Amino acid sequence: MKHYRKVCLGITITFIALLSFCVLPWVTKALAGGGGTWEGIPTITVKLPGQEKPQHKFDKGKEGAQPQCATIKNITLTFGDLEKFHGHVCPGIALGYRATQIALAQLYPGEIPLRGDQFVVSGTPRACPADAISYLTGARYGKGSEGAFNGNLAFDKTIGDSCYIFAGMSTGKAIKLTTTFQFPKEMQELRAKKDTDPEANAQYEAMSRCVTVRILTAPEKEVFTVTPVSDFSWKEYKDKYVK
């Protein structure tokens, strides 16, 4: 009986933590905005490489045809787009999405950045945040690269775990983002049990989604510390890590 009560108490505490950390802020936001799953999450707008200017073409099917101007529009990427690309929702892609959002705003203030102008260094190798950053910026890991890989993403543990450097190659500006977001300790406890305990797995998945929303909507300073990097050379990284 004592063991049963202890288990029930543990479940209750976990539920209360989940409710206070995740559910209440999300319900408040849903009541205010309503609509789709990711409604209210800011989007990211970028220019497509080689298409930032109007393109001109002739209609060859008509005799004496005049040039036609086809303006290529900017593309707007949503968190829903990232979810489809990555295959699932998790706090990791939320961190990558938010990092990109913050970095682009600071590197290109008041402008729509060119997708592919960013060189990115990730302190955590080949994890979900880097996958999100790669999708949003077009930066690809370049070692042994062929085809789609463009050599604009490097992994370097020396900059710190969960740290990211974004550089605008055309501007020479660079910033470092250090993750400061505090994950609830209950989430780590559930993660340790989720593979063998169906109830723990369900609780973990619910908390994971709520933490994702929290990362996407919390004030910037609660998610990252941003510092300028004055001596960063993306060309040196290309030479060292990408060849």
C-alpha atoms as a PDB file:
ATOM      1  CA  MET A   1       0.000   0.000   0.000  1.00  0.00           C
ATOM      2  CA  LYS A   2       2.819   2.396   0.863  1.00  0.00           C
ATOM      3  CA  HIS A   3       4.506   1.644  -2.465  1.00  0.00           C
ATOM      4  CA  TYR A   4       1.220   2.261  -4.294  1.00  0.00           C
ATOM      5  CA  ARG A   5       0.756   5.603  -2.553  1.00  0.00           C
ATOM      6  CA  LYS A   6       4.330   6.595  -3.413  1.00  0.00           C
ATOM      7  CA  VAL A   7       3.768   5.769  -7.066  1.00  0.00           C
ATOM      8  CA  CYS A   8       0.511   7.737  -7.142  1.00  0.00           C
ATOM      9  CA  LEU A   9       2.195  10.690  -5.453  1.00  0.00           C
ATOM     10  CA  GLY A  10       4.996  10.610  -8.006  1.00  0.00           C
ATOM     11  CA  ILE A  11       2.524  10.604 -10.890  1.00  0.00           C
ATOM     12  CA  THR A  12       0.581  13.476  -9.322  1.00  0.00           C
ATOM     13  CA  ILE A  13       3.718  15.582  -8.839  1.00  0.00           C
ATOM     14  CA  THR A  14       4.788  14.936 -12.415  1.00  0.00           C
ATOM     15  CA  PHE A  15       1.347  15.909 -13.689  1.00  0.00           C
ATOM     16  CA  ILE A  16       1.348  19.141 -11.668  1.00  0.00           C
ATOM     17  CA  ALA A  17       4.815  20.003 -13.010  1.00  0.00           C
ATOM     18  CA  LEU A  18       3.624  19.311 -16.536  1.00  0.00           C
ATOM     19  CA  LEU A  19       0.539  21.452 -15.998  1.00  0.00           C
ATOM     20  CA  SER A  20       2.379  24.432 -14.531  1.00  0.00           C
ATOM     21  CA  PHE A  21       5.333  24.351 -16.928  1.00  0.00           C
ATOM     22  CA  CYS A  22       3.560  23.569 -20.159  1.00  0.00           C
ATOM     23  CA  VAL A  23      -0.173  23.262 -20.315  1.00  0.00           C
ATOM     24  CA  LEU A  24      -1.321  26.510 -18.714  1.00  0.00           C
ATOM     25  CA  PRO A  25       0.856  28.816 -20.880  1.00  0.00           C
ATOM     26  CA  TRP A  26      -0.248  26.895 -23.995  1.00  0.00           C
ATOM     27  CA  VAL A  27      -3.943  27.025 -23.069  1.00  0.00           C
ATOM     28  CA  THR A  28      -3.676  30.766 -22.475  1.00  0.00           C
ATOM     29  CA  LYS A  29      -2.027  31.235 -25.861  1.00  0.00           C
ATOM     30  CA  ALA A  30      -4.575  29.012 -27.602  1.00  0.00           C
ATOM     31  CA  LEU A  31      -7.476  30.944 -26.104  1.00  0.00           C
ATOM     32  CA  ALA A  32      -5.913  34.198 -27.254  1.00  0.00           C
ATOM     33  CA  GLY A  33      -5.004  33.105 -30.782  1.00  0.00           C
ATOM     34  CA  GLY A  34      -6.983  29.947 -31.544  1.00  0.00           C
ATOM     35  CA  GLY A  35      -6.557  28.198 -34.875  1.00  0.00           C
ATOM     36  CA  GLY A  36      -3.891  25.739 -35.975  1.00  0.00           C
ATOM     37  CA  THR A  37      -1.308  23.895 -33.974  1.00  0.00           C
ATOM     38  CA  TRP A  38       1.519  26.368 -34.548  1.00  0.00           C
ATOM     39  CA  GLU A  39      -0.515  29.529 -34.990  1.00  0.00           C
ATOM     40  CA  GLY A  40       1.181  32.469 -33.326  1.00  0.00           C
ATOM     41  CA  ILE A  41       4.692  31.065 -33.756  1.00  0.00           C
ATOM     42  CA  PRO A  42       6.722  33.657 -35.729  1.00  0.00           C
ATOM     43  CA  THR A  43       7.736  32.615 -39.230  1.00  0.00           C
ATOM     44  CA  ILE A  44      11.092  33.017 -41.010  1.00  0.00           C
ATOM     45  CA  THR A  45      11.230  34.757 -44.396  1.00  0.00           C
ATOM     46  CA  VAL A  46      14.274  34.443 -46.657  1.00  0.00           C
ATOM     47  CA  LYS A  47      15.272  35.113 -50.253  1.00  0.00           C
ATOM     48  CA  LEU A  48      16.160  32.252 -52.535  1.00  0.00           C
ATOM     49  CA  PRO A  49      19.754  32.169 -53.859  1.00  0.00           C
ATOM     50  CA  GLY A  50      20.031  33.707 -57.306  1.00  0.00           C
ATOM     51  CA  GLN A  51      16.444  34.916 -57.180  1.00  0.00           C
ATOM     52  CA  GLU A  52      16.671  38.025 -55.056  1.00  0.00           C
ATOM     53  CA  LYS A  53      16.184  40.229 -58.166  1.00  0.00           C
ATOM     54  CA  PRO A  54      13.423  40.209 -60.793  1.00  0.00           C
ATOM     55  CA  GLN A  55      14.094  37.826 -63.661  1.00  0.00           C
ATOM     56  CA  HIS A  56      13.268  38.676 -67.285  1.00  0.00           C
ATOM     57  CA  LYS A  57      12.233  36.217 -69.974  1.00  0.00           C
ATOM     58  CA  PHE A  58      10.717  36.219 -73.491  1.00  0.00           C
ATOM     59  CA  ASP A  59       7.543  34.446 -74.518  1.00  0.00           C
ATOM     60  CA  LYS A  60       9.050  32.544 -77.466  1.00  0.00           C
ATOM     61  CA  GLY A  61       5.649  31.291 -78.596  1.00  0.00           C
ATOM     62  CA  LYS A  62       4.562  34.688 -79.883  1.00  0.00           C
ATOM     63  CA  GLU A  63       6.083  36.568 -82.793  1.00  0.00           C
ATOM     64  CA  GLY A  64       7.586  39.885 -81.747  1.00  0.00           C
ATOM     65  CA  ALA A  65       6.944  39.151 -78.088  1.00  0.00           C
ATOM     66  CA  GLN A  66       8.200  41.627 -75.508  1.00  0.00           C
ATOM     67  CA  PRO A  67      10.215  40.716 -72.399  1.00  0.00           C
ATOM     68  CA  GLN A  68       8.134  39.605 -69.427  1.00  0.00           C
ATOM     69  CA  CYS A  69       9.187  40.386 -65.884  1.00  0.00           C
ATOM     70  CA  ALA A  70       8.775  37.498 -63.451  1.00  0.00           C
ATOM     71  CA  THR A  71       9.423  38.629 -59.898  1.00  0.00           C
ATOM     72  CA  ILE A  72      10.491  35.771 -57.659  1.00  0.00           C
ATOM     73  CA  LYS A  73       8.843  36.082 -54.271  1.00  0.00           C
ATOM     74  CA  ASN A  74      10.533  35.530 -50.947  1.00  0.00           C
ATOM     75  CA  ILE A  75       9.755  32.245 -49.230  1.00  0.00           C
ATOM     76  CA  THR A  76       8.303  32.086 -45.737  1.00  0.00           C
ATOM     77  CA  LEU A  77       9.184  29.063 -43.634  1.00  0.00           C
ATOM     78  CA  THR A  78       7.055  28.015 -40.682  1.00  0.00           C
ATOM     79  CA  PHE A  79       7.666  25.688 -37.771  1.00  0.00           C
ATOM     80  CA  GLY A  80       5.134  23.391 -39.442  1.00  0.00           C
ATOM     81  CA  ASP A  81       7.372  23.249 -42.521  1.00  0.00           C
ATOM     82  CA  LEU A  82      10.295  22.286 -40.305  1.00  0.00           C
ATOM     83  CA  GLU A  83       8.207  19.612 -38.600  1.00  0.00           C
ATOM     84  CA  LYS A  84       7.413  18.025 -41.973  1.00  0.00           C
ATOM     85  CA  PHE A  85      11.068  18.145 -43.034  1.00  0.00           C
ATOM     86  CA  HIS A  86      12.431  16.706 -39.781  1.00  0.00           C
ATOM     87  CA  GLY A  87       9.733  14.097 -39.394  1.00  0.00           C
ATOM     88  CA  HIS A  88       8.688  14.815 -35.823  1.00  0.00           C
ATOM     89  CA  VAL A  89       8.386  17.559 -33.205  1.00  0.00           C
ATOM     90  CA  CYS A  90      10.944  17.825 -30.415  1.00  0.00           C
ATOM     91  CA  PRO A  91      12.599  20.509 -28.273  1.00  0.00           C
ATOM     92  CA  GLY A  92      15.758  20.111 -30.355  1.00  0.00           C
ATOM     93  CA  ILE A  93      14.266  21.424 -33.591  1.00  0.00           C
ATOM     94  CA  ALA A  94      12.559  24.174 -31.581  1.00  0.00           C
ATOM     95  CA  LEU A  95      15.987  25.298 -30.335  1.00  0.00           C
ATOM     96  CA  GLY A  96      17.333  25.256 -33.895  1.00  0.00           C
ATOM     97  CA  TYR A  97      14.325  27.187 -35.189  1.00  0.00           C
ATOM     98  CA  ARG A  98      14.561  29.811 -32.461  1.00  0.00           C
ATOM     99  CA  ALA A  99      18.350  30.121 -32.842  1.00  0.00           C
ATOM    100  CA  THR A 100      17.978  30.754 -36.580  1.00  0.00           C
ATOM    101  CA  GLN A 101      15.181  33.236 -36.016  1.00  0.00           C
ATOM    102  CA  ILE A 102      17.239  35.242 -33.515  1.00  0.00           C
ATOM    103  CA  ALA A 103      20.451  35.042 -35.542  1.00  0.00           C
ATOM    104  CA  LEU A 104      18.902  36.234 -38.798  1.00  0.00           C
ATOM    105  CA  ALA A 105      17.237  39.171 -37.045  1.00  0.00           C
ATOM    106  CA  GLN A 106      20.549  40.262 -35.542  1.00  0.00           C
ATOM    107  CA  LEU A 107      22.796  39.628 -38.535  1.00  0.00           C
ATOM    108  CA  TYR A 108      20.449  41.271 -41.045  1.00  0.00           C
ATOM    109  CA  PRO A 109      18.469  43.892 -39.083  1.00  0.00           C
ATOM    110  CA  GLY A 110      15.509  45.215 -41.040  1.00  0.00           C
ATOM    111  CA  GLU A 111      16.351  43.034 -44.053  1.00  0.00           C
ATOM    112  CA  ILE A 112      15.191  39.767 -45.582  1.00  0.00           C
ATOM    113  CA  PRO A 113      18.339  37.608 -45.623  1.00  0.00           C
ATOM    114  CA  LEU A 114      19.518  35.556 -48.539  1.00  0.00           C
ATOM    115  CA  ARG A 115      19.171  31.867 -47.767  1.00  0.00           C
ATOM    116  CA  GLY A 116      22.631  30.367 -48.128  1.00  0.00           C
ATOM    117  CA  ASP A 117      24.577  33.453 -47.005  1.00  0.00           C
ATOM    118  CA  GLN A 118      24.937  31.979 -43.520  1.00  0.00           C
ATOM    119  CA  PHE A 119      27.910  29.999 -42.265  1.00  0.00           C
ATOM    120  CA  VAL A 120      27.039  28.098 -39.094  1.00  0.00           C
ATOM    121  CA  VAL A 121      29.126  26.297 -36.477  1.00  0.00           C
ATOM    122  CA  SER A 122      27.363  23.885 -34.127  1.00  0.00           C
ATOM    123  CA  GLY A 123      28.941  22.805 -30.850  1.00  0.00           C
ATOM    124  CA  THR A 124      26.719  19.711 -30.764  1.00  0.00           C
ATOM    125  CA  PRO A 125      27.478  17.325 -33.641  1.00  0.00           C
ATOM    126  CA  ARG A 126      24.673  16.111 -35.889  1.00  0.00           C
ATOM    127  CA  ALA A 127      21.797  16.698 -33.458  1.00  0.00           C
ATOM    128  CA  CYS A 128      18.241  17.928 -34.018  1.00  0.00           C
ATOM    129  CA  PRO A 129      19.040  21.654 -33.596  1.00  0.00           C
ATOM    130  CA  ALA A 130      21.662  21.459 -36.351  1.00  0.00           C
ATOM    131  CA  ASP A 131      19.159  19.697 -38.625  1.00  0.00           C
ATOM    132  CA  ALA A 132      16.701  22.547 -38.124  1.00  0.00           C
ATOM    133  CA  ILE A 133      19.358  25.206 -38.709  1.00  0.00           C
ATOM    134  CA  SER A 134      20.518  23.432 -41.852  1.00  0.00           C
ATOM    135  CA  TYR A 135      16.997  23.313 -43.277  1.00  0.00           C
ATOM    136  CA  LEU A 136      16.218  26.950 -42.520  1.00  0.00           C
ATOM    137  CA  THR A 137      19.495  28.512 -43.662  1.00  0.00           C
ATOM    138  CA  GLY A 138      20.448  26.068 -46.400  1.00  0.00           C
ATOM    139  CA  ALA A 139      23.831  25.509 -44.714  1.00  0.00           C
ATOM    140  CA  ARG A 140      25.045  21.959 -45.278  1.00  0.00           C
ATOM    141  CA  TYR A 141      27.944  20.020 -43.825  1.00  0.00           C
ATOM    142  CA  GLY A 142      30.638  19.927 -46.461  1.00  0.00           C
ATOM    143  CA  LYS A 143      33.263  17.287 -45.671  1.00  0.00           C
ATOM    144  CA  GLY A 144      33.338  14.804 -48.521  1.00  0.00           C
ATOM    145  CA  SER A 145      30.468  16.740 -49.977  1.00  0.00           C
ATOM    146  CA  GLU A 146      28.689  16.137 -53.220  1.00  0.00           C
ATOM    147  CA  GLY A 147      25.555  17.617 -54.711  1.00  0.00           C
ATOM    148  CA  ALA A 148      23.414  19.415 -52.129  1.00  0.00           C
ATOM    149  CA  PHE A 149      26.181  19.860 -49.567  1.00  0.00           C
ATOM    150  CA  ASN A 150      27.615  23.371 -49.720  1.00  0.00           C
ATOM    151  CA  GLY A 151      30.181  23.378 -46.930  1.00  0.00           C
ATOM    152  CA  ASN A 152      28.517  26.128 -44.881  1.00  0.00           C
ATOM    153  CA  LEU A 153      27.974  24.067 -41.729  1.00  0.00           C
ATOM    154  CA  ALA A 154      30.745  22.890 -39.427  1.00  0.00           C
ATOM    155  CA  PHE A 155      30.719  20.962 -36.152  1.00  0.00           C
ATOM    156  CA  ASP A 156      33.165  22.059 -33.474  1.00  0.00           C
ATOM    157  CA  LYS A 157      32.856  20.866 -29.870  1.00  0.00           C
ATOM    158  CA  THR A 158      35.359  23.473 -28.694  1.00  0.00           C
ATOM    159  CA  ILE A 159      32.777  26.276 -28.920  1.00  0.00           C
ATOM    160  CA  GLY A 160      30.713  24.554 -26.225  1.00  0.00           C
ATOM    161  CA  ASP A 161      27.847  22.077 -26.068  1.00  0.00           C
ATOM    162  CA  SER A 162      24.518  23.549 -27.238  1.00  0.00           C
ATOM    163  CA  CYS A 163      26.311  26.611 -28.604  1.00  0.00           C
ATOM    164  CA  TYR A 164      26.011  27.953 -32.149  1.00  0.00           C
ATOM    165  CA  ILE A 165      27.908  30.530 -34.166  1.00  0.00           C
ATOM    166  CA  PHE A 166      26.084  32.206 -37.048  1.00  0.00           C
ATOM    167  CA  ALA A 167      27.981  34.352 -39.544  1.00  0.00           C
ATOM    168  CA  GLY A 168      26.732  36.392 -42.466  1.00  0.00           C
ATOM    169  CA  MET A 169      29.292  35.671 -45.165  1.00  0.00           C
ATOM    170  CA  SER A 170      28.365  38.781 -47.157  1.00  0.00           C
ATOM    171  CA  THR A 171      28.379  41.094 -44.130  1.00  0.00           C
ATOM    172  CA  GLY A 172      31.267  39.779 -42.051  1.00  0.00           C
ATOM    173  CA  LYS A 173      29.095  39.845 -38.911  1.00  0.00           C
ATOM    174  CA  ALA A 174      29.042  36.895 -36.524  1.00  0.00           C
ATOM    175  CA  ILE A 175      27.282  36.085 -33.257  1.00  0.00           C
ATOM    176  CA  LYS A 176      27.367  33.213 -30.789  1.00  0.00           C
ATOM    177  CA  LEU A 177      24.234  31.779 -29.222  1.00  0.00           C
ATOM    178  CA  THR A 178      24.586  29.843 -25.982  1.00  0.00           C
ATOM    179  CA  THR A 179      21.586  27.821 -24.860  1.00  0.00           C
ATOM    180  CA  THR A 180      20.308  28.939 -21.453  1.00  0.00           C
ATOM    181  CA  PHE A 181      16.927  27.217 -21.549  1.00  0.00           C
ATOM    182  CA  GLN A 182      16.276  25.138 -18.436  1.00  0.00           C
ATOM    183  CA  PHE A 183      14.580  21.825 -19.118  1.00  0.00           C
ATOM    184  CA  PRO A 184      12.370  20.549 -16.281  1.00  0.00           C
ATOM    185  CA  LYS A 185      14.096  17.866 -14.227  1.00  0.00           C
ATOM    186  CA  GLU A 186      10.915  15.778 -14.427  1.00  0.00           C
ATOM    187  CA  MET A 187      11.509  15.481 -18.168  1.00  0.00           C
ATOM    188  CA  GLN A 188      14.913  13.890 -17.639  1.00  0.00           C
ATOM    189  CA  GLU A 189      13.435  11.433 -15.137  1.00  0.00           C
ATOM    190  CA  LEU A 190      10.678  10.455 -17.545  1.00  0.00           C
ATOM    191  CA  ARG A 191      13.167  10.063 -20.385  1.00  0.00           C
ATOM    192  CA  ALA A 192      15.097   7.479 -18.366  1.00  0.00           C
ATOM    193  CA  LYS A 193      11.943   5.373 -17.957  1.00  0.00           C
ATOM    194  CA  LYS A 194      10.046   5.981 -21.192  1.00  0.00           C
ATOM    195  CA  ASP A 195      11.445   2.986 -23.116  1.00  0.00           C
ATOM    196  CA  THR A 196      10.192   0.488 -20.539  1.00  0.00           C
ATOM    197  CA  ASP A 197       7.179   2.279 -19.045  1.00  0.00           C
ATOM    198  CA  PRO A 198       4.272   3.151 -21.416  1.00  0.00           C
ATOM    199  CA  GLU A 199       2.795   5.646 -18.949  1.00  0.00           C
ATOM    200  CA  ALA A 200       6.141   7.388 -18.513  1.00  0.00           C
ATOM    201  CA  ASN A 201       6.512   7.462 -22.295  1.00  0.00           C
ATOM    202  CA  ALA A 202       3.107   9.138 -22.712  1.00  0.00           C
ATOM    203  CA  GLN A 203       3.982  11.710 -20.050  1.00  0.00           C
ATOM    204  CA  TYR A 204       7.362  12.314 -21.654  1.00  0.00           C
ATOM    205  CA  GLU A 205       5.851  12.905 -25.102  1.00  0.00           C
ATOM    206  CA  ALA A 206       3.296  15.337 -23.668  1.00  0.00           C
ATOM    207  CA  MET A 207       5.935  17.262 -21.755  1.00  0.00           C
ATOM    208  CA  SER A 208       8.284  17.244 -24.759  1.00  0.00           C
ATOM    209  CA  ARG A 209       5.668  18.911 -26.938  1.00  0.00           C
ATOM    210  CA  CYS A 210       4.875  21.488 -24.293  1.00  0.00           C
ATOM    211  CA  VAL A 211       8.570  22.261 -23.788  1.00  0.00           C
ATOM    212  CA  THR A 212       8.798  22.734 -27.553  1.00  0.00           C
ATOM    213  CA  VAL A 213       6.076  25.378 -27.391  1.00  0.00           C
ATOM    214  CA  ARG A 214       7.789  27.009 -24.434  1.00  0.00           C
ATOM    215  CA  ILE A 215      11.061  27.313 -26.346  1.00  0.00           C
ATOM    216  CA  LEU A 216       9.292  28.839 -29.327  1.00  0.00           C
ATOM    217  CA  THR A 217       7.388  31.432 -27.283  1.00  0.00           C
ATOM    218  CA  ALA A 218       9.580  32.293 -24.276  1.00  0.00           C
ATOM    219  CA  PRO A 219      11.476  35.603 -24.164  1.00  0.00           C
ATOM    220  CA  GLU A 220      14.780  35.430 -26.035  1.00  0.00           C
ATOM    221  CA  LYS A 221      16.908  35.738 -22.885  1.00  0.00           C
ATOM    222  CA  GLU A 222      15.257  32.629 -21.407  1.00  0.00           C
ATOM    223  CA  VAL A 223      16.388  30.536 -24.369  1.00  0.00           C
ATOM    224  CA  PHE A 224      19.758  31.937 -25.495  1.00  0.00           C
ATOM    225  CA  THR A 225      22.502  34.296 -24.501  1.00  0.00           C
ATOM    226  CA  VAL A 226      23.682  36.161 -27.605  1.00  0.00           C
ATOM    227  CA  THR A 227      27.197  37.605 -27.864  1.00  0.00           C
ATOM    228  CA  PRO A 228      28.964  39.203 -30.846  1.00  0.00           C
ATOM    229  CA  VAL A 229      32.043  37.422 -32.218  1.00  0.00           C
ATOM    230  CA  SER A 230      34.504  39.977 -33.580  1.00  0.00           C
ATOM    231  CA  ASP A 231      37.346  37.699 -34.696  1.00  0.00           C
ATOM    232  CA  PHE A 232      35.379  34.928 -36.408  1.00  0.00           C
ATOM    233  CA  SER A 233      36.641  33.703 -39.804  1.00  0.00           C
ATOM    234  CA  TRP A 234      34.292  31.404 -41.675  1.00  0.00           C
ATOM    235  CA  LYS A 235      36.932  30.990 -44.372  1.00  0.00           C
ATOM    236  CA  GLU A 236      39.304  29.411 -41.862  1.00  0.00           C
ATOM    237  CA  TYR A 237      36.565  27.002 -40.824  1.00  0.00           C
ATOM    238  CA  LYS A 238      36.006  26.041 -44.437  1.00  0.00           C
ATOM    239  CA  ASP A 239      39.702  25.335 -44.849  1.00  0.00           C
ATOM    240  CA  LYS A 240      39.978  23.351 -41.611  1.00  0.00           C
ATOM    241  CA  TYR A 241      36.708  21.471 -41.257  1.00  0.00           C
ATOM    242  CA  VAL A 242      35.029  21.380 -44.610  1.00  0.00           C
ATOM    243  CA  LYS A 243      37.611  20.280 -47.166  1.00  0.00           C
END
